[in-house]
Amino acid sequence: MLHSMTTEPEQQIGVGTPDAFQRLWTPHRMAYIQGENKPTGPEAGDGCPFCAIPAKSDEDGLIIARGETVYAVLNLYPYNGGHLMVVPYRHVADYTDLDEAETVELAEFTKHAMTALRSASGAHGFNIGMNQGEVAGAGIAAHLHQHVVPRWGGDTNFMPVVGHTKVLPQLLADTRAMLAAHWPSERSD
């Protein structure tokens, strides 16, 4: 049924108390809330998505770049557009358990991620970090991963603050292709 521009929006019975806000539905978040892609236990064979991703194509796994000991991948449930993670191939939970090569490459990939995000999207700043353990907020505590979240001046507006909703303007596959194209190539010094 079409409504003229002067009539009130049609209210649906049973959706709660009417208020001044229209509803923005984000059903894709339900997969995260219900634990989709979460491991069933702490071992690599317990369905760890970070162990499964490298077997996929870059496009299917949303992999931006692959190194010898780590890879960069987009976050399926991003805080901001371009939110990626640097992940060791080896199933290891604690930062102190990384060997020297993994530690060095994780740091180098973090620098590459910042460079690619600045080049591709003009990021003004970054939140970089890892949550060690479930009590510290790690969604997948059994497999170490470092978050690289690009930030821009004014990127926290009323939607995330009041609406508790993040609006992402680009599909993940498009973001992956853009960042892969801007990933720094290795220098031969």
N, C-alpha and C. Protein backbone atom coordinates (compact mmCIF):
# COMPACT_ATOMS: atom_id res chain seq x y z
N MET A 1 0.83 -1.16 0.00
CA MET A 1 0.00 0.00 0.00
C MET A 1 0.89 1.24 0.00
N LEU A 2 0.67 2.15 -0.94
CA LEU A 2 1.44 3.37 -1.02
C LEU A 2 0.88 4.41 -0.07
N HIS A 3 1.75 5.16 0.57
CA HIS A 3 1.36 6.23 1.47
C HIS A 3 1.80 7.55 0.87
N SER A 4 1.02 8.57 1.08
CA SER A 4 1.46 9.89 0.63
C SER A 4 2.56 10.38 1.56
N MET A 5 3.29 11.37 1.14
CA MET A 5 4.40 11.90 1.93
C MET A 5 3.93 12.55 3.23
N THR A 6 2.65 12.87 3.35
CA THR A 6 2.15 13.55 4.54
C THR A 6 1.59 12.60 5.58
N THR A 7 1.42 11.33 5.26
CA THR A 7 0.86 10.40 6.24
C THR A 7 1.97 9.82 7.11
N GLU A 8 1.60 9.39 8.28
CA GLU A 8 2.54 8.76 9.21
C GLU A 8 2.92 7.37 8.69
N PRO A 9 4.14 6.90 9.01
CA PRO A 9 4.52 5.55 8.61
C PRO A 9 3.59 4.53 9.25
N GLU A 10 3.32 3.47 8.54
CA GLU A 10 2.46 2.41 9.06
C GLU A 10 3.18 1.71 10.21
N GLN A 11 2.49 1.53 11.32
CA GLN A 11 3.07 0.86 12.47
C GLN A 11 2.75 -0.63 12.38
N GLN A 12 3.73 -1.46 12.70
CA GLN A 12 3.51 -2.89 12.73
C GLN A 12 3.15 -3.30 14.16
N ILE A 13 2.10 -4.08 14.29
CA ILE A 13 1.69 -4.55 15.59
C ILE A 13 2.73 -5.56 16.09
N GLY A 14 3.12 -5.44 17.34
CA GLY A 14 4.02 -6.42 17.94
C GLY A 14 5.50 -6.12 17.81
N VAL A 15 5.88 -4.95 17.29
CA VAL A 15 7.30 -4.66 17.14
C VAL A 15 7.83 -3.76 18.24
N GLY A 16 7.04 -3.54 19.27
CA GLY A 16 7.51 -2.71 20.38
C GLY A 16 6.80 -1.39 20.41
N THR A 17 7.18 -0.60 21.37
CA THR A 17 6.57 0.71 21.55
C THR A 17 7.04 1.64 20.43
N PRO A 18 6.10 2.29 19.74
CA PRO A 18 6.51 3.21 18.68
C PRO A 18 7.37 4.33 19.25
N ASP A 19 8.42 4.69 18.52
CA ASP A 19 9.28 5.79 18.94
C ASP A 19 9.63 6.61 17.70
N ALA A 20 10.55 7.51 17.84
CA ALA A 20 10.89 8.41 16.74
C ALA A 20 11.82 7.79 15.72
N PHE A 21 12.30 6.58 15.95
CA PHE A 21 13.27 5.96 15.06
C PHE A 21 12.63 4.94 14.13
N GLN A 22 13.04 4.94 12.89
CA GLN A 22 12.73 3.85 11.98
C GLN A 22 13.68 2.71 12.36
N ARG A 23 13.38 1.50 12.01
CA ARG A 23 14.22 0.36 12.34
C ARG A 23 15.20 0.08 11.22
N LEU A 24 16.46 -0.15 11.57
CA LEU A 24 17.48 -0.57 10.63
C LEU A 24 17.81 -2.01 10.98
N TRP A 25 17.40 -2.92 10.14
CA TRP A 25 17.59 -4.34 10.42
C TRP A 25 18.95 -4.79 9.93
N THR A 26 19.68 -5.52 10.77
CA THR A 26 20.98 -6.06 10.40
C THR A 26 21.00 -7.56 10.70
N PRO A 27 20.23 -8.33 9.93
CA PRO A 27 20.12 -9.76 10.24
C PRO A 27 21.43 -10.53 10.08
N HIS A 28 22.37 -10.02 9.30
CA HIS A 28 23.65 -10.72 9.15
C HIS A 28 24.40 -10.80 10.48
N ARG A 29 24.13 -9.90 11.43
CA ARG A 29 24.79 -9.93 12.73
C ARG A 29 24.35 -11.13 13.57
N MET A 30 23.17 -11.70 13.25
CA MET A 30 22.67 -12.84 14.02
C MET A 30 23.63 -14.02 13.94
N ALA A 31 24.30 -14.19 12.81
CA ALA A 31 25.27 -15.29 12.68
C ALA A 31 26.36 -15.16 13.74
N TYR A 32 26.86 -13.95 13.94
CA TYR A 32 27.89 -13.71 14.96
C TYR A 32 27.34 -13.94 16.36
N ILE A 33 26.15 -13.41 16.63
CA ILE A 33 25.53 -13.54 17.94
C ILE A 33 25.32 -15.01 18.30
N GLN A 34 24.92 -15.80 17.30
CA GLN A 34 24.64 -17.22 17.55
C GLN A 34 25.89 -18.09 17.50
N GLY A 35 27.04 -17.47 17.26
CA GLY A 35 28.30 -18.21 17.32
C GLY A 35 28.70 -18.91 16.04
N GLU A 36 28.14 -18.50 14.90
CA GLU A 36 28.54 -19.11 13.63
C GLU A 36 30.04 -18.93 13.44
N ASN A 37 30.69 -19.95 12.92
CA ASN A 37 32.14 -19.96 12.65
C ASN A 37 32.99 -19.97 13.91
N LYS A 38 32.38 -20.20 15.07
CA LYS A 38 33.16 -20.29 16.30
C LYS A 38 33.60 -21.74 16.49
N PRO A 39 34.83 -21.94 16.94
CA PRO A 39 35.31 -23.30 17.18
C PRO A 39 34.52 -23.97 18.31
N THR A 40 34.49 -25.29 18.27
CA THR A 40 33.80 -26.05 19.32
C THR A 40 34.72 -26.37 20.49
N GLY A 41 36.01 -26.12 20.31
CA GLY A 41 36.99 -26.37 21.36
C GLY A 41 38.29 -25.64 21.05
N PRO A 42 39.32 -25.86 21.87
CA PRO A 42 40.56 -25.09 21.74
C PRO A 42 41.56 -25.61 20.69
N GLU A 43 41.34 -26.79 20.17
CA GLU A 43 42.31 -27.38 19.24
C GLU A 43 42.05 -26.97 17.79
N ALA A 44 43.06 -27.07 16.97
CA ALA A 44 42.96 -26.69 15.55
C ALA A 44 41.86 -27.49 14.85
N GLY A 45 41.68 -28.74 15.21
CA GLY A 45 40.67 -29.60 14.59
C GLY A 45 39.26 -29.39 15.10
N ASP A 46 39.08 -28.42 15.98
CA ASP A 46 37.77 -28.16 16.58
C ASP A 46 36.97 -27.10 15.81
N GLY A 47 37.26 -26.99 14.52
CA GLY A 47 36.50 -26.06 13.69
C GLY A 47 37.01 -24.63 13.72
N CYS A 48 38.29 -24.45 13.94
CA CYS A 48 38.87 -23.11 14.00
C CYS A 48 38.82 -22.46 12.61
N PRO A 49 38.09 -21.34 12.46
CA PRO A 49 38.01 -20.71 11.15
C PRO A 49 39.35 -20.17 10.69
N PHE A 50 40.22 -19.74 11.61
CA PHE A 50 41.52 -19.21 11.21
C PHE A 50 42.45 -20.30 10.67
N CYS A 51 42.19 -21.55 11.04
CA CYS A 51 42.94 -22.67 10.46
C CYS A 51 42.35 -23.06 9.10
N ALA A 52 41.05 -22.87 8.91
CA ALA A 52 40.38 -23.26 7.66
C ALA A 52 40.54 -22.22 6.55
N ILE A 53 40.62 -20.96 6.89
CA ILE A 53 40.65 -19.89 5.89
C ILE A 53 41.79 -20.04 4.88
N PRO A 54 43.03 -20.36 5.30
CA PRO A 54 44.12 -20.42 4.32
C PRO A 54 43.93 -21.47 3.21
N ALA A 55 43.09 -22.46 3.43
CA ALA A 55 42.83 -23.48 2.39
C ALA A 55 41.90 -22.95 1.30
N LYS A 56 41.26 -21.82 1.54
CA LYS A 56 40.33 -21.24 0.56
C LYS A 56 41.08 -20.32 -0.40
N SER A 57 40.42 -19.98 -1.49
CA SER A 57 41.00 -18.97 -2.38
C SER A 57 41.01 -17.64 -1.65
N ASP A 58 41.83 -16.71 -2.11
CA ASP A 58 41.87 -15.40 -1.47
C ASP A 58 40.49 -14.75 -1.46
N GLU A 59 39.78 -14.86 -2.58
CA GLU A 59 38.46 -14.24 -2.68
C GLU A 59 37.47 -14.89 -1.73
N ASP A 60 37.42 -16.22 -1.70
CA ASP A 60 36.47 -16.91 -0.83
C ASP A 60 36.80 -16.76 0.65
N GLY A 61 38.09 -16.69 0.98
CA GLY A 61 38.51 -16.55 2.37
C GLY A 61 38.65 -15.11 2.82
N LEU A 62 38.45 -14.16 1.89
CA LEU A 62 38.64 -12.72 2.15
C LEU A 62 40.06 -12.41 2.59
N ILE A 63 41.02 -13.19 2.04
CA ILE A 63 42.43 -13.00 2.35
C ILE A 63 42.98 -11.86 1.51
N ILE A 64 43.65 -10.95 2.16
CA ILE A 64 44.24 -9.79 1.49
C ILE A 64 45.65 -10.10 1.03
N ALA A 65 46.42 -10.76 1.89
CA ALA A 65 47.81 -11.09 1.56
C ALA A 65 48.24 -12.30 2.36
N ARG A 66 49.16 -13.08 1.79
CA ARG A 66 49.71 -14.27 2.45
C ARG A 66 51.21 -14.10 2.62
N GLY A 67 51.71 -14.44 3.80
CA GLY A 67 53.14 -14.43 4.05
C GLY A 67 53.62 -15.85 4.29
N GLU A 68 54.82 -15.96 4.80
CA GLU A 68 55.39 -17.27 5.12
C GLU A 68 54.77 -17.86 6.38
N THR A 69 54.52 -17.02 7.39
CA THR A 69 54.03 -17.53 8.68
C THR A 69 52.70 -16.91 9.11
N VAL A 70 52.26 -15.83 8.44
CA VAL A 70 51.01 -15.16 8.78
C VAL A 70 50.27 -14.77 7.50
N TYR A 71 49.01 -14.43 7.66
CA TYR A 71 48.22 -13.90 6.55
C TYR A 71 47.34 -12.77 7.07
N ALA A 72 46.89 -11.91 6.15
CA ALA A 72 45.97 -10.82 6.48
C ALA A 72 44.62 -11.14 5.88
N VAL A 73 43.57 -10.98 6.69
CA VAL A 73 42.22 -11.34 6.27
C VAL A 73 41.23 -10.30 6.80
N LEU A 74 40.19 -10.04 6.03
CA LEU A 74 39.14 -9.14 6.50
C LEU A 74 38.36 -9.79 7.63
N ASN A 75 37.91 -8.97 8.55
CA ASN A 75 37.04 -9.43 9.62
C ASN A 75 35.62 -9.57 9.06
N LEU A 76 34.99 -10.71 9.27
CA LEU A 76 33.61 -10.92 8.80
C LEU A 76 32.61 -10.04 9.54
N TYR A 77 32.95 -9.60 10.74
CA TYR A 77 32.07 -8.80 11.56
C TYR A 77 32.81 -7.51 11.95
N PRO A 78 33.05 -6.64 10.96
CA PRO A 78 33.95 -5.49 11.18
C PRO A 78 33.38 -4.39 12.05
N TYR A 79 34.28 -3.73 12.77
CA TYR A 79 33.93 -2.53 13.54
C TYR A 79 33.86 -1.32 12.62
N ASN A 80 34.66 -1.32 11.56
CA ASN A 80 34.71 -0.26 10.58
C ASN A 80 35.02 -0.89 9.22
N GLY A 81 34.71 -0.19 8.15
CA GLY A 81 35.09 -0.67 6.82
C GLY A 81 36.60 -0.82 6.75
N GLY A 82 37.09 -1.93 6.22
CA GLY A 82 38.52 -2.17 6.13
C GLY A 82 39.11 -2.87 7.34
N HIS A 83 38.30 -3.17 8.36
CA HIS A 83 38.79 -3.86 9.56
C HIS A 83 39.35 -5.22 9.16
N LEU A 84 40.64 -5.40 9.38
CA LEU A 84 41.27 -6.66 9.02
C LEU A 84 42.01 -7.24 10.21
N MET A 85 42.49 -8.47 10.03
CA MET A 85 43.25 -9.14 11.08
C MET A 85 44.50 -9.75 10.48
N VAL A 86 45.56 -9.77 11.25
CA VAL A 86 46.78 -10.47 10.89
C VAL A 86 46.82 -11.72 11.76
N VAL A 87 46.92 -12.87 11.09
CA VAL A 87 46.73 -14.16 11.77
C VAL A 87 47.89 -15.10 11.45
N PRO A 88 48.50 -15.73 12.46
CA PRO A 88 49.51 -16.75 12.15
C PRO A 88 48.82 -18.00 11.58
N TYR A 89 49.50 -18.67 10.67
CA TYR A 89 48.96 -19.93 10.15
C TYR A 89 48.90 -20.97 11.27
N ARG A 90 49.90 -20.96 12.12
CA ARG A 90 49.98 -21.95 13.20
C ARG A 90 48.90 -21.66 14.24
N HIS A 91 48.23 -22.70 14.68
CA HIS A 91 47.18 -22.60 15.70
C HIS A 91 47.84 -22.39 17.05
N VAL A 92 47.91 -21.14 17.46
CA VAL A 92 48.55 -20.78 18.72
C VAL A 92 47.67 -19.70 19.38
N ALA A 93 47.49 -19.80 20.69
CA ALA A 93 46.57 -18.91 21.38
C ALA A 93 47.24 -17.68 21.97
N ASP A 94 48.47 -17.79 22.41
CA ASP A 94 49.08 -16.73 23.19
C ASP A 94 50.22 -16.06 22.43
N TYR A 95 50.28 -14.75 22.52
CA TYR A 95 51.32 -13.98 21.84
C TYR A 95 52.72 -14.46 22.23
N THR A 96 52.90 -14.85 23.48
CA THR A 96 54.22 -15.30 23.94
C THR A 96 54.62 -16.64 23.34
N ASP A 97 53.67 -17.35 22.73
CA ASP A 97 53.97 -18.64 22.10
C ASP A 97 54.43 -18.51 20.64
N LEU A 98 54.38 -17.29 20.08
CA LEU A 98 54.87 -17.11 18.70
C LEU A 98 56.38 -17.28 18.68
N ASP A 99 56.89 -17.89 17.60
CA ASP A 99 58.34 -17.95 17.46
C ASP A 99 58.83 -16.64 16.86
N GLU A 100 60.13 -16.48 16.72
CA GLU A 100 60.70 -15.21 16.27
C GLU A 100 60.23 -14.84 14.86
N ALA A 101 60.20 -15.80 13.96
CA ALA A 101 59.77 -15.51 12.58
C ALA A 101 58.31 -15.05 12.54
N GLU A 102 57.45 -15.71 13.32
CA GLU A 102 56.04 -15.31 13.37
C GLU A 102 55.87 -13.91 13.97
N THR A 103 56.61 -13.63 15.02
CA THR A 103 56.53 -12.32 15.66
C THR A 103 56.95 -11.21 14.70
N VAL A 104 58.05 -11.43 13.98
CA VAL A 104 58.55 -10.43 13.03
C VAL A 104 57.56 -10.24 11.89
N GLU A 105 57.07 -11.34 11.31
CA GLU A 105 56.16 -11.19 10.17
C GLU A 105 54.81 -10.61 10.60
N LEU A 106 54.34 -10.92 11.80
CA LEU A 106 53.10 -10.33 12.29
C LEU A 106 53.27 -8.80 12.38
N ALA A 107 54.41 -8.35 12.87
CA ALA A 107 54.67 -6.90 12.96
C ALA A 107 54.77 -6.29 11.56
N GLU A 108 55.47 -6.95 10.64
CA GLU A 108 55.60 -6.43 9.27
C GLU A 108 54.24 -6.36 8.58
N PHE A 109 53.41 -7.39 8.74
CA PHE A 109 52.08 -7.39 8.11
C PHE A 109 51.19 -6.30 8.72
N THR A 110 51.37 -6.01 9.99
CA THR A 110 50.61 -4.93 10.62
C THR A 110 51.00 -3.59 9.98
N LYS A 111 52.29 -3.39 9.75
CA LYS A 111 52.75 -2.18 9.07
C LYS A 111 52.21 -2.12 7.64
N HIS A 112 52.24 -3.26 6.93
CA HIS A 112 51.71 -3.31 5.56
C HIS A 112 50.21 -3.00 5.55
N ALA A 113 49.49 -3.51 6.55
CA ALA A 113 48.05 -3.25 6.63
C ALA A 113 47.78 -1.76 6.78
N MET A 114 48.54 -1.11 7.64
CA MET A 114 48.38 0.33 7.83
C MET A 114 48.67 1.08 6.53
N THR A 115 49.72 0.69 5.84
CA THR A 115 50.09 1.34 4.58
C THR A 115 48.99 1.15 3.54
N ALA A 116 48.47 -0.08 3.41
CA ALA A 116 47.41 -0.37 2.43
C ALA A 116 46.13 0.40 2.76
N LEU A 117 45.77 0.44 4.03
CA LEU A 117 44.55 1.14 4.42
C LEU A 117 44.67 2.64 4.22
N ARG A 118 45.83 3.19 4.50
CA ARG A 118 46.03 4.63 4.24
C ARG A 118 45.94 4.91 2.74
N SER A 119 46.59 4.07 1.94
CA SER A 119 46.61 4.27 0.49
C SER A 119 45.23 4.07 -0.12
N ALA A 120 44.52 3.04 0.30
CA ALA A 120 43.23 2.69 -0.31
C ALA A 120 42.09 3.56 0.18
N SER A 121 42.13 3.96 1.45
CA SER A 121 40.95 4.63 2.01
C SER A 121 41.23 5.93 2.74
N GLY A 122 42.49 6.32 2.82
CA GLY A 122 42.81 7.57 3.50
C GLY A 122 42.56 7.53 4.99
N ALA A 123 42.75 6.38 5.62
CA ALA A 123 42.53 6.26 7.07
C ALA A 123 43.34 7.32 7.82
N HIS A 124 42.71 7.96 8.81
CA HIS A 124 43.36 8.99 9.61
C HIS A 124 44.12 8.41 10.79
N GLY A 125 43.70 7.25 11.25
CA GLY A 125 44.32 6.62 12.41
C GLY A 125 43.91 5.16 12.47
N PHE A 126 44.36 4.46 13.52
CA PHE A 126 44.11 3.03 13.64
C PHE A 126 43.93 2.63 15.09
N ASN A 127 43.11 1.63 15.31
CA ASN A 127 43.10 0.87 16.55
C ASN A 127 43.76 -0.45 16.18
N ILE A 128 44.82 -0.79 16.89
CA ILE A 128 45.56 -2.03 16.63
C ILE A 128 45.69 -2.77 17.95
N GLY A 129 45.35 -4.06 17.93
CA GLY A 129 45.51 -4.82 19.15
C GLY A 129 44.98 -6.22 19.06
N MET A 130 45.26 -6.97 20.10
CA MET A 130 44.77 -8.34 20.19
C MET A 130 44.22 -8.58 21.58
N ASN A 131 43.16 -9.32 21.64
CA ASN A 131 42.53 -9.69 22.90
C ASN A 131 43.04 -11.09 23.26
N GLN A 132 43.74 -11.19 24.37
CA GLN A 132 44.33 -12.45 24.79
C GLN A 132 43.44 -13.13 25.80
N GLY A 133 42.71 -14.14 25.35
CA GLY A 133 41.82 -14.89 26.22
C GLY A 133 40.39 -14.44 26.09
N GLU A 134 39.49 -15.36 26.35
CA GLU A 134 38.06 -15.07 26.24
C GLU A 134 37.63 -13.96 27.20
N VAL A 135 38.17 -13.95 28.43
CA VAL A 135 37.79 -12.93 29.39
C VAL A 135 38.26 -11.54 28.96
N ALA A 136 39.23 -11.47 28.06
CA ALA A 136 39.73 -10.19 27.55
C ALA A 136 38.99 -9.75 26.29
N GLY A 137 38.01 -10.55 25.87
CA GLY A 137 37.20 -10.16 24.72
C GLY A 137 37.51 -10.87 23.43
N ALA A 138 38.38 -11.86 23.45
CA ALA A 138 38.71 -12.58 22.22
C ALA A 138 37.52 -13.43 21.80
N GLY A 139 37.01 -13.18 20.59
CA GLY A 139 35.91 -13.97 20.06
C GLY A 139 36.34 -15.38 19.74
N ILE A 140 37.57 -15.53 19.27
CA ILE A 140 38.17 -16.84 19.03
C ILE A 140 39.49 -16.84 19.77
N ALA A 141 39.44 -17.23 21.03
CA ALA A 141 40.60 -17.14 21.92
C ALA A 141 41.68 -18.17 21.61
N ALA A 142 41.31 -19.28 20.99
CA ALA A 142 42.26 -20.37 20.78
C ALA A 142 43.25 -20.10 19.64
N HIS A 143 42.97 -19.10 18.80
CA HIS A 143 43.88 -18.80 17.68
C HIS A 143 44.16 -17.30 17.67
N LEU A 144 45.38 -16.97 17.97
CA LEU A 144 45.82 -15.58 18.03
C LEU A 144 45.49 -14.83 16.74
N HIS A 145 45.06 -13.60 16.88
CA HIS A 145 44.83 -12.72 15.73
C HIS A 145 44.92 -11.29 16.18
N GLN A 146 45.59 -10.48 15.38
CA GLN A 146 45.74 -9.05 15.69
C GLN A 146 44.80 -8.24 14.82
N HIS A 147 44.00 -7.39 15.44
CA HIS A 147 43.06 -6.52 14.73
C HIS A 147 43.76 -5.25 14.27
N VAL A 148 43.44 -4.83 13.05
CA VAL A 148 43.86 -3.54 12.53
C VAL A 148 42.57 -2.86 12.06
N VAL A 149 42.13 -1.85 12.80
CA VAL A 149 40.87 -1.18 12.52
C VAL A 149 41.16 0.26 12.08
N PRO A 150 40.86 0.58 10.81
CA PRO A 150 41.08 1.96 10.36
C PRO A 150 40.06 2.90 10.99
N ARG A 151 40.50 4.14 11.24
CA ARG A 151 39.62 5.14 11.84
C ARG A 151 39.72 6.44 11.04
N TRP A 152 38.64 7.18 11.03
CA TRP A 152 38.57 8.47 10.36
C TRP A 152 37.95 9.47 11.31
N GLY A 153 38.34 10.73 11.18
CA GLY A 153 37.72 11.77 11.98
C GLY A 153 36.22 11.77 11.74
N GLY A 154 35.44 11.71 12.80
CA GLY A 154 33.99 11.72 12.66
C GLY A 154 33.36 10.38 12.35
N ASP A 155 34.13 9.27 12.41
CA ASP A 155 33.52 7.97 12.07
C ASP A 155 32.62 7.44 13.17
N THR A 156 32.65 8.05 14.34
CA THR A 156 31.73 7.67 15.40
C THR A 156 30.66 8.76 15.46
N ASN A 157 29.53 8.46 14.84
CA ASN A 157 28.43 9.41 14.82
C ASN A 157 27.25 8.82 15.58
N PHE A 158 26.06 9.32 15.33
CA PHE A 158 24.90 8.87 16.11
C PHE A 158 24.57 7.40 15.87
N MET A 159 24.91 6.83 14.71
CA MET A 159 24.52 5.43 14.45
C MET A 159 25.15 4.47 15.46
N PRO A 160 26.47 4.45 15.64
CA PRO A 160 27.02 3.52 16.63
C PRO A 160 26.80 3.97 18.06
N VAL A 161 26.78 5.28 18.31
CA VAL A 161 26.65 5.77 19.67
C VAL A 161 25.23 5.62 20.20
N VAL A 162 24.25 6.09 19.44
CA VAL A 162 22.85 6.04 19.86
C VAL A 162 22.16 4.78 19.36
N GLY A 163 22.39 4.47 18.10
CA GLY A 163 21.69 3.34 17.48
C GLY A 163 22.35 2.00 17.66
N HIS A 164 23.57 1.98 18.22
CA HIS A 164 24.32 0.73 18.42
C HIS A 164 24.38 -0.08 17.13
N THR A 165 24.55 0.63 16.01
CA THR A 165 24.58 0.01 14.69
C THR A 165 25.70 0.64 13.88
N LYS A 166 26.49 -0.17 13.20
CA LYS A 166 27.55 0.34 12.34
C LYS A 166 27.09 0.21 10.90
N VAL A 167 27.20 1.28 10.15
CA VAL A 167 26.83 1.28 8.74
C VAL A 167 28.11 1.15 7.93
N LEU A 168 28.21 0.08 7.15
CA LEU A 168 29.39 -0.15 6.32
C LEU A 168 29.01 0.07 4.86
N PRO A 169 29.74 0.95 4.16
CA PRO A 169 29.33 1.35 2.82
C PRO A 169 29.83 0.46 1.68
N GLN A 170 30.53 -0.63 2.00
CA GLN A 170 31.12 -1.42 0.93
C GLN A 170 31.04 -2.90 1.28
N LEU A 171 30.80 -3.73 0.25
CA LEU A 171 30.77 -5.18 0.45
C LEU A 171 32.17 -5.68 0.79
N LEU A 172 32.26 -6.73 1.61
CA LEU A 172 33.56 -7.26 2.02
C LEU A 172 34.40 -7.69 0.83
N ALA A 173 33.80 -8.31 -0.19
CA ALA A 173 34.57 -8.75 -1.36
C ALA A 173 35.21 -7.55 -2.07
N ASP A 174 34.50 -6.44 -2.14
CA ASP A 174 35.05 -5.23 -2.77
C ASP A 174 36.16 -4.63 -1.92
N THR A 175 35.99 -4.64 -0.61
CA THR A 175 37.02 -4.14 0.30
C THR A 175 38.27 -5.00 0.19
N ARG A 176 38.11 -6.34 0.13
CA ARG A 176 39.25 -7.23 0.01
C ARG A 176 40.04 -6.94 -1.25
N ALA A 177 39.35 -6.80 -2.38
CA ALA A 177 40.02 -6.53 -3.66
C ALA A 177 40.76 -5.19 -3.61
N MET A 178 40.14 -4.18 -3.03
CA MET A 178 40.76 -2.86 -2.94
C MET A 178 42.03 -2.90 -2.10
N LEU A 179 41.96 -3.55 -0.93
CA LEU A 179 43.13 -3.61 -0.05
C LEU A 179 44.23 -4.49 -0.63
N ALA A 180 43.86 -5.58 -1.28
CA ALA A 180 44.87 -6.44 -1.91
C ALA A 180 45.62 -5.66 -2.99
N ALA A 181 44.93 -4.82 -3.72
CA ALA A 181 45.57 -4.01 -4.76
C ALA A 181 46.52 -2.97 -4.17
N HIS A 182 46.27 -2.55 -2.94
CA HIS A 182 47.10 -1.53 -2.30
C HIS A 182 48.13 -2.12 -1.33
N TRP A 183 48.17 -3.45 -1.19
CA TRP A 183 49.10 -4.09 -0.25
C TRP A 183 50.52 -3.84 -0.74
N PRO A 184 51.41 -3.35 0.12
CA PRO A 184 52.79 -3.06 -0.32
C PRO A 184 53.51 -4.32 -0.78
N SER A 185 54.23 -4.20 -1.88
CA SER A 185 55.04 -5.33 -2.33
C SER A 185 56.34 -5.33 -1.53
N GLU A 186 56.94 -6.49 -1.44
CA GLU A 186 58.20 -6.60 -0.70
C GLU A 186 59.28 -5.85 -1.43
N ARG A 187 60.05 -5.11 -0.67
CA ARG A 187 61.18 -4.39 -1.25
C ARG A 187 62.38 -5.31 -1.32
N SER A 188 63.16 -5.14 -2.33
CA SER A 188 64.41 -5.92 -2.44
C SER A 188 65.57 -4.95 -2.26
N ASP A 189 65.90 -4.68 -0.97
CA ASP A 189 67.00 -3.76 -0.64
C ASP A 189 68.33 -4.48 -0.65
